[in-house]
Amino acid sequence: MKRILTLVVATALVASLTTALASASASTAKLQVHRTSVGTILVNSRGFTVYAFTLDRPNKNNCAHVNGCLSVWPPVTTSGKAIAGHGVSSRLIGTITLRKGVEQVTYAGHPLYTYIADPGPGQTSYINVSEFGGRWPAVNPAGNEVK
């Protein structure tokens, strides 16, 4: 029974990721600044925290090579040059190309992700959580990790 439940949950996560990637890649990403109890961090256009992955290298997504990682930590994607909101440095924004030509947004070389279980905008409870062999810090406007 547990095995069937795990399969159902995994299938739902993959379907959710596919939908998220399809819709995210159809629009231009916008990074914004949000003040929190852990410091000032970057969020996406919907106000959700964006994360880095400590196993990534500058401008290199290693989450894509860890089984199930992108299902739980979807990349922040864009269809054109990402937009810098107030307080975000446009010179630190970049992109890297994932499979099928999907453009993932980077900031100061950090590939950016969201977390599928974040309950709402501005949440900080998952910052620096340990998962998929690494940690998931937030990123501040200077491009540094926030733990």
Foldseek 3Di string as FASTA:
>chain_A
DVVVVVVVVLVVLVVVLVVCLVVQLVAAWEWEWDQDPLGIFIDIPQQAFKWFWPVADQLGDPLVVQPPSCSFWPFRWGNDQHHYDPLADSVQWDWHADPPRTTGIGGVRTGITGGPPPPGHPDDPQAQPDDSHTTIFTAHRVGDGGD
